[in-house]
C-alpha atoms as a PDB file:
ATOM      1  CA  MET A   1      -1.474  20.436 -20.166  1.00  0.00           C
ATOM      2  CA  PRO A   2      -1.715  16.955 -21.615  1.00  0.00           C
ATOM      3  CA  THR A   3      -3.143  14.212 -19.487  1.00  0.00           C
ATOM      4  CA  PRO A   4      -1.518  10.810 -19.444  1.00  0.00           C
ATOM      5  CA  SER A   5      -3.405   8.062 -21.205  1.00  0.00           C
ATOM      6  CA  ARG A   6      -3.446   4.464 -20.027  1.00  0.00           C
ATOM      7  CA  SER A   7      -5.430   1.610 -21.429  1.00  0.00           C
ATOM      8  CA  ASP A   8      -6.499   0.490 -17.937  1.00  0.00           C
ATOM      9  CA  SER A   9      -7.693   3.964 -16.892  1.00  0.00           C
ATOM     10  CA  PRO A  10     -11.403   4.483 -16.250  1.00  0.00           C
ATOM     11  CA  SER A  11     -13.409   6.230 -18.955  1.00  0.00           C
ATOM     12  CA  SER A  12     -14.025   9.966 -18.821  1.00  0.00           C
ATOM     13  CA  ASP A  13     -17.661   9.268 -17.990  1.00  0.00           C
ATOM     14  CA  ALA A  14     -16.669   7.022 -15.071  1.00  0.00           C
ATOM     15  CA  ILE A  15     -14.258   9.649 -13.769  1.00  0.00           C
ATOM     16  CA  GLU A  16     -16.898  12.359 -14.068  1.00  0.00           C
ATOM     17  CA  ALA A  17     -19.427  10.205 -12.197  1.00  0.00           C
ATOM     18  CA  ARG A  18     -16.937   9.569  -9.373  1.00  0.00           C
ATOM     19  CA  TRP A  19     -16.004  13.282  -9.324  1.00  0.00           C
ATOM     20  CA  ASN A  20     -19.665  14.239  -8.979  1.00  0.00           C
ATOM     21  CA  GLU A  21     -20.080  11.845  -6.033  1.00  0.00           C
ATOM     22  CA  ILE A  22     -17.617  13.927  -3.998  1.00  0.00           C
ATOM     23  CA  PRO A  23     -19.509  16.776  -2.341  1.00  0.00           C
ATOM     24  CA  LEU A  24     -18.311  20.298  -3.032  1.00  0.00           C
ATOM     25  CA  HIS A  25     -18.346  22.303   0.189  1.00  0.00           C
ATOM     26  CA  PRO A  26     -17.483  25.995  -0.042  1.00  0.00           C
ATOM     27  CA  LEU A  27     -14.659  27.242   2.183  1.00  0.00           C
ATOM     28  CA  GLY A  28     -15.503  26.965   5.864  1.00  0.00           C
ATOM     29  CA  THR A  29     -18.575  24.780   5.394  1.00  0.00           C
ATOM     30  CA  ILE A  30     -17.294  21.214   5.746  1.00  0.00           C
ATOM     31  CA  PRO A  31     -19.342  19.459   8.440  1.00  0.00           C
ATOM     32  CA  ASP A  32     -17.369  19.138  11.683  1.00  0.00           C
ATOM     33  CA  ASP A  33     -18.112  15.408  12.022  1.00  0.00           C
ATOM     34  CA  LEU A  34     -16.968  14.468   8.497  1.00  0.00           C
ATOM     35  CA  PRO A  35     -13.312  13.728   9.434  1.00  0.00           C
ATOM     36  CA  GLU A  36     -14.378  11.172  12.052  1.00  0.00           C
ATOM     37  CA  GLU A  37     -17.323   9.847  10.063  1.00  0.00           C
ATOM     38  CA  ASN A  38     -15.413   9.260   6.827  1.00  0.00           C
ATOM     39  CA  PRO A  39     -11.778  10.435   6.872  1.00  0.00           C
ATOM     40  CA  LEU A  40     -11.063   9.483   3.249  1.00  0.00           C
ATOM     41  CA  LEU A  41     -14.118  11.380   2.015  1.00  0.00           C
ATOM     42  CA  TYR A  42     -12.936  14.352   4.078  1.00  0.00           C
ATOM     43  CA  ARG A  43      -9.570  14.263   2.260  1.00  0.00           C
ATOM     44  CA  ARG A  44     -11.332  14.009  -1.108  1.00  0.00           C
ATOM     45  CA  VAL A  45     -13.578  16.972  -0.269  1.00  0.00           C
ATOM     46  CA  ILE A  46     -10.504  19.058   0.640  1.00  0.00           C
ATOM     47  CA  ALA A  47      -8.740  18.098  -2.613  1.00  0.00           C
ATOM     48  CA  LYS A  48     -11.815  18.794  -4.757  1.00  0.00           C
ATOM     49  CA  ARG A  49     -12.301  22.169  -3.097  1.00  0.00           C
ATOM     50  CA  ALA A  50      -8.664  23.092  -3.821  1.00  0.00           C
ATOM     51  CA  ILE A  51      -8.948  22.052  -7.453  1.00  0.00           C
ATOM     52  CA  VAL A  52     -12.224  23.896  -8.020  1.00  0.00           C
ATOM     53  CA  ALA A  53     -10.819  27.019  -6.341  1.00  0.00           C
ATOM     54  CA  ALA A  54      -7.774  27.023  -8.636  1.00  0.00           C
ATOM     55  CA  TYR A  55      -9.121  25.741 -11.941  1.00  0.00           C
ATOM     56  CA  GLU A  56     -12.282  25.748 -14.004  1.00  0.00           C
ATOM     57  CA  GLU A  57     -14.812  23.365 -12.489  1.00  0.00           C
ATOM     58  CA  SER A  58     -15.931  22.384 -15.991  1.00  0.00           C
ATOM     59  CA  GLU A  59     -12.480  21.018 -16.878  1.00  0.00           C
ATOM     60  CA  LEU A  60     -11.861  17.313 -16.607  1.00  0.00           C
ATOM     61  CA  PRO A  61     -10.598  16.338 -13.142  1.00  0.00           C
ATOM     62  CA  GLU A  62      -7.597  14.599 -14.738  1.00  0.00           C
ATOM     63  CA  ALA A  63      -6.485  17.799 -16.467  1.00  0.00           C
ATOM     64  CA  CYS A  64      -6.923  19.827 -13.281  1.00  0.00           C
ATOM     65  CA  ILE A  65      -4.895  17.322 -11.243  1.00  0.00           C
ATOM     66  CA  VAL A  66      -2.091  17.322 -13.825  1.00  0.00           C
ATOM     67  CA  ASP A  67      -2.059  21.132 -13.791  1.00  0.00           C
ATOM     68  CA  LEU A  68      -2.096  21.223  -9.988  1.00  0.00           C
ATOM     69  CA  LEU A  69       0.819  18.787  -9.742  1.00  0.00           C
ATOM     70  CA  ALA A  70       2.793  20.833 -12.259  1.00  0.00           C
ATOM     71  CA  ASP A  71       1.959  24.032 -10.364  1.00  0.00           C
ATOM     72  CA  LEU A  72       3.082  22.444  -7.096  1.00  0.00           C
ATOM     73  CA  ARG A  73       6.368  21.454  -8.732  1.00  0.00           C
ATOM     74  CA  HIS A  74       6.876  25.078  -9.841  1.00  0.00           C
ATOM     75  CA  LEU A  75       6.091  26.268  -6.316  1.00  0.00           C
ATOM     76  CA  CYS A  76       8.588  23.810  -4.833  1.00  0.00           C
ATOM     77  CA  ASP A  77      11.233  25.069  -7.267  1.00  0.00           C
ATOM     78  CA  ALA A  78      10.569  28.658  -6.181  1.00  0.00           C
ATOM     79  CA  LEU A  79      10.766  27.721  -2.495  1.00  0.00           C
ATOM     80  CA  GLY A  80      13.799  25.470  -2.869  1.00  0.00           C
ATOM     81  CA  LEU A  81      11.850  22.384  -1.796  1.00  0.00           C
ATOM     82  CA  ASP A  82      12.329  18.863  -3.131  1.00  0.00           C
ATOM     83  CA  PHE A  83       8.979  17.927  -4.695  1.00  0.00           C
ATOM     84  CA  ALA A  84       9.918  14.238  -4.969  1.00  0.00           C
ATOM     85  CA  GLN A  85      10.734  14.079  -1.267  1.00  0.00           C
ATOM     86  CA  LEU A  86       7.469  15.788  -0.353  1.00  0.00           C
ATOM     87  CA  ASP A  87       5.559  13.536  -2.751  1.00  0.00           C
ATOM     88  CA  HIS A  88       7.085  10.472  -1.093  1.00  0.00           C
ATOM     89  CA  ALA A  89       6.081  11.761   2.358  1.00  0.00           C
ATOM     90  CA  ALA A  90       2.574  12.433   1.021  1.00  0.00           C
ATOM     91  CA  PHE A  91       2.382   8.908  -0.394  1.00  0.00           C
ATOM     92  CA  LEU A  92       3.338   7.423   2.967  1.00  0.00           C
ATOM     93  CA  GLY A  93       0.634   9.481   4.681  1.00  0.00           C
ATOM     94  CA  TYR A  94      -1.884   8.459   2.022  1.00  0.00           C
ATOM     95  CA  ALA A  95      -1.006   4.766   2.413  1.00  0.00           C
ATOM     96  CA  THR A  96      -1.384   5.008   6.192  1.00  0.00           C
ATOM     97  CA  GLU A  97      -4.780   6.704   5.898  1.00  0.00           C
ATOM     98  CA  ARG A  98      -5.999   4.103   3.389  1.00  0.00           C
ATOM     99  CA  ALA A  99      -4.837   1.262   5.648  1.00  0.00           C
ATOM    100  CA  ARG A 100      -6.604   2.779   8.682  1.00  0.00           C
ATOM    101  CA  ALA A 101      -9.816   3.279   6.711  1.00  0.00           C
ATOM    102  CA  SER A 102      -9.656  -0.268   5.382  1.00  0.00           C
ATOM    103  CA  ALA A 103      -9.076  -1.687   8.858  1.00  0.00           C
ATOM    104  CA  ALA A 104     -11.937   0.390  10.283  1.00  0.00           C
ATOM    105  CA  SER A 105     -14.343  -0.788   7.576  1.00  0.00           C
ATOM    106  CA  HIS A 106     -13.541  -4.445   8.342  1.00  0.00           C
ATOM    107  CA  ARG A 107     -14.438  -4.200  12.024  1.00  0.00           C
END
């Protein structure tokens, strides 16, 4: 699947470096205290684990994310779910989590 290209996007090397900073925990091995210690990192670990489980780890993260989003759209079609509605709900949850993390880091 093609990946979108934007002039303000980080370089592939920068993306790879950020990707490698996210720990890869096998299923069932995420430390119990991680959600409280760093909730955004916990979410990133979950997402990375899902991507690596479904796609080749050697592929660029951008390509895997594009494929995953397309696959989720196909799944929603099969289940009769509205992907856009679910995506909007996910965005609201994401924004709330980011705001909480930001507020916690400024205490």
